[in-house]
Amino acid sequence: MLAAAAAEHPSPEAVVQTQLEAYNARNLEAFLATYAEDAELTDLPGGVFARGHVDMRERYTKTFADPTLHAEIVKRIVVGNTVVDHERVRRRFPEGPGTLDAIAIYAVETGRITRVWFRVGERKLDATPDS
């Protein structure tokens, strides 16, 4: 019976991969569709910065306005319903374009991401040509 229930939903890795593809396409609706309605996003060591689709929509509408936004997976680990991604994210910061490394730990239940914990590294700004 458990195997049949699991077959009804995509694997946790497939859900997180779909989320990544929507993120890179800056497709807010497809991105939100991978999350549970009451999903929580947490900064480590801080705290929850978004609860549910309303908060996420507000935050990611701004994020997705950046045409340089792109995340690539450096390493992915999957254990049960938990997916851990080491990501390298290119984006525009207030100081200029650059990258940062981040770790995202996704909890996935019944085909949706229910919680994410983020640990973000230092920004690395692109070198600017000498004038």
Protein backbone atom coordinates (compact mmCIF):
# COMPACT_ATOMS: atom_id res chain seq x y z
CA MET A 1 0.00 0.00 0.00
CA LEU A 2 2.85 2.39 0.79
CA ALA A 3 4.44 1.80 -2.62
CA ALA A 4 1.13 2.57 -4.33
CA ALA A 5 0.76 5.82 -2.37
CA ALA A 6 4.32 6.86 -3.25
CA ALA A 7 3.67 6.19 -6.94
CA GLU A 8 0.83 8.73 -6.91
CA HIS A 9 3.28 11.60 -6.37
CA PRO A 10 6.53 12.54 -8.08
CA SER A 11 9.70 11.70 -6.17
CA PRO A 12 11.12 14.37 -3.84
CA GLU A 13 14.06 14.80 -6.23
CA ALA A 14 11.71 15.32 -9.19
CA VAL A 15 9.72 17.94 -7.25
CA VAL A 16 12.87 19.87 -6.32
CA GLN A 17 14.18 19.65 -9.90
CA THR A 18 10.87 21.01 -11.25
CA GLN A 19 11.13 23.84 -8.71
CA LEU A 20 14.69 24.63 -9.88
CA GLU A 21 13.62 24.69 -13.53
CA ALA A 22 10.72 27.05 -12.72
CA TYR A 23 13.12 29.26 -10.71
CA ASN A 24 15.55 29.48 -13.63
CA ALA A 25 12.69 30.22 -16.03
CA ARG A 26 11.48 32.88 -13.56
CA ASN A 27 8.02 31.28 -13.84
CA LEU A 28 6.32 32.25 -10.59
CA GLU A 29 3.19 30.11 -11.05
CA ALA A 30 5.14 26.95 -11.89
CA PHE A 31 7.53 27.69 -9.01
CA LEU A 32 4.70 28.10 -6.46
CA ALA A 33 2.99 24.94 -7.76
CA THR A 34 5.88 22.88 -6.37
CA TYR A 35 5.23 24.18 -2.84
CA ALA A 36 2.53 23.28 -0.31
CA GLU A 37 0.11 26.15 0.36
CA ASP A 38 1.50 26.49 3.90
CA ALA A 39 5.19 25.94 3.07
CA GLU A 40 7.77 27.63 5.29
CA LEU A 41 11.08 29.08 4.09
CA THR A 42 13.74 29.56 6.75
CA ASP A 43 17.12 31.30 6.78
CA LEU A 44 19.77 29.55 8.83
CA PRO A 45 20.66 30.65 11.44
CA GLY A 46 17.88 33.28 11.30
CA GLY A 47 14.26 32.28 11.13
CA VAL A 48 11.21 31.89 8.92
CA PHE A 49 11.13 34.57 6.21
CA ALA A 50 8.11 33.35 4.24
CA ARG A 51 5.02 31.34 5.14
CA GLY A 52 2.72 30.19 2.39
CA HIS A 53 2.12 31.24 -1.17
CA VAL A 54 1.12 34.84 -0.37
CA ASP A 55 4.47 35.61 1.30
CA MET A 56 6.37 33.64 -1.34
CA ARG A 57 4.60 35.42 -4.20
CA GLU A 58 5.58 38.82 -2.79
CA ARG A 59 9.21 37.82 -2.26
CA TYR A 60 9.77 35.93 -5.52
CA THR A 61 7.98 38.47 -7.73
CA LYS A 62 10.86 40.80 -6.87
CA THR A 63 13.49 38.06 -7.20
CA PHE A 64 12.21 36.90 -10.60
CA ALA A 65 12.36 40.45 -11.99
CA ASP A 66 16.15 39.99 -12.24
CA PRO A 67 16.95 38.83 -15.81
CA THR A 68 20.38 37.54 -14.70
CA LEU A 69 18.88 35.16 -12.12
CA HIS A 70 20.08 31.58 -12.54
CA ALA A 71 20.86 28.75 -10.13
CA GLU A 72 22.99 25.73 -10.93
CA ILE A 73 23.39 22.63 -8.81
CA VAL A 74 26.93 21.99 -7.62
CA LYS A 75 25.91 18.87 -5.66
CA ARG A 76 22.62 17.19 -4.78
CA ILE A 77 22.00 14.62 -2.05
CA VAL A 78 18.69 12.80 -1.61
CA VAL A 79 17.77 10.86 1.53
CA GLY A 80 14.14 9.78 1.78
CA ASN A 81 11.90 12.83 1.47
CA THR A 82 14.80 15.26 2.02
CA VAL A 83 16.77 16.84 -0.83
CA VAL A 84 19.92 18.85 -0.11
CA ASP A 85 21.24 21.09 -2.88
CA HIS A 86 24.50 23.01 -2.96
CA GLU A 87 23.58 25.75 -5.40
CA ARG A 88 25.55 28.49 -7.13
CA VAL A 89 23.23 31.41 -7.82
CA ARG A 90 23.91 34.22 -10.27
CA ARG A 91 21.93 37.39 -9.68
CA ARG A 92 22.11 41.15 -9.52
CA PHE A 93 22.89 42.53 -6.05
CA PRO A 94 22.52 46.21 -5.08
CA GLU A 95 26.32 46.49 -5.53
CA GLY A 96 26.25 44.84 -8.97
CA PRO A 97 26.07 41.41 -10.61
CA GLY A 98 27.68 38.37 -9.06
CA THR A 99 27.23 34.94 -7.55
CA LEU A 100 26.75 33.31 -4.20
CA ASP A 101 26.82 29.74 -2.98
CA ALA A 102 23.88 28.47 -0.98
CA ILE A 103 22.74 25.27 0.63
CA ALA A 104 19.03 24.49 0.41
CA ILE A 105 17.50 21.65 2.41
CA TYR A 106 14.06 20.73 1.04
CA ALA A 107 11.45 18.65 2.88
CA VAL A 108 8.96 17.14 0.42
CA GLU A 109 5.66 15.49 1.34
CA THR A 110 2.92 14.21 -0.97
CA GLY A 111 4.54 15.74 -4.03
CA ARG A 112 5.02 19.28 -2.64
CA ILE A 113 7.83 21.11 -0.87
CA THR A 114 6.67 21.77 2.70
CA ARG A 115 9.74 23.42 4.17
CA VAL A 116 13.10 24.78 3.02
CA TRP A 117 16.10 25.76 5.12
CA PHE A 118 18.63 28.05 3.41
CA ARG A 119 22.23 28.79 4.37
CA VAL A 120 23.67 31.47 2.09
CA GLY A 121 27.36 32.21 1.58
CA GLU A 122 29.12 35.46 0.81
CA ARG A 123 28.39 37.43 -2.32
CA LYS A 124 31.11 37.35 -4.97
CA LEU A 125 30.74 40.37 -7.21
CA ASP A 126 31.85 40.18 -10.83
CA ALA A 127 35.07 42.02 -11.58
CA THR A 128 34.50 45.37 -13.22
CA PRO A 129 36.74 46.47 -16.10
CA ASP A 130 39.12 49.32 -15.31
CA SER A 131 38.02 52.65 -16.72
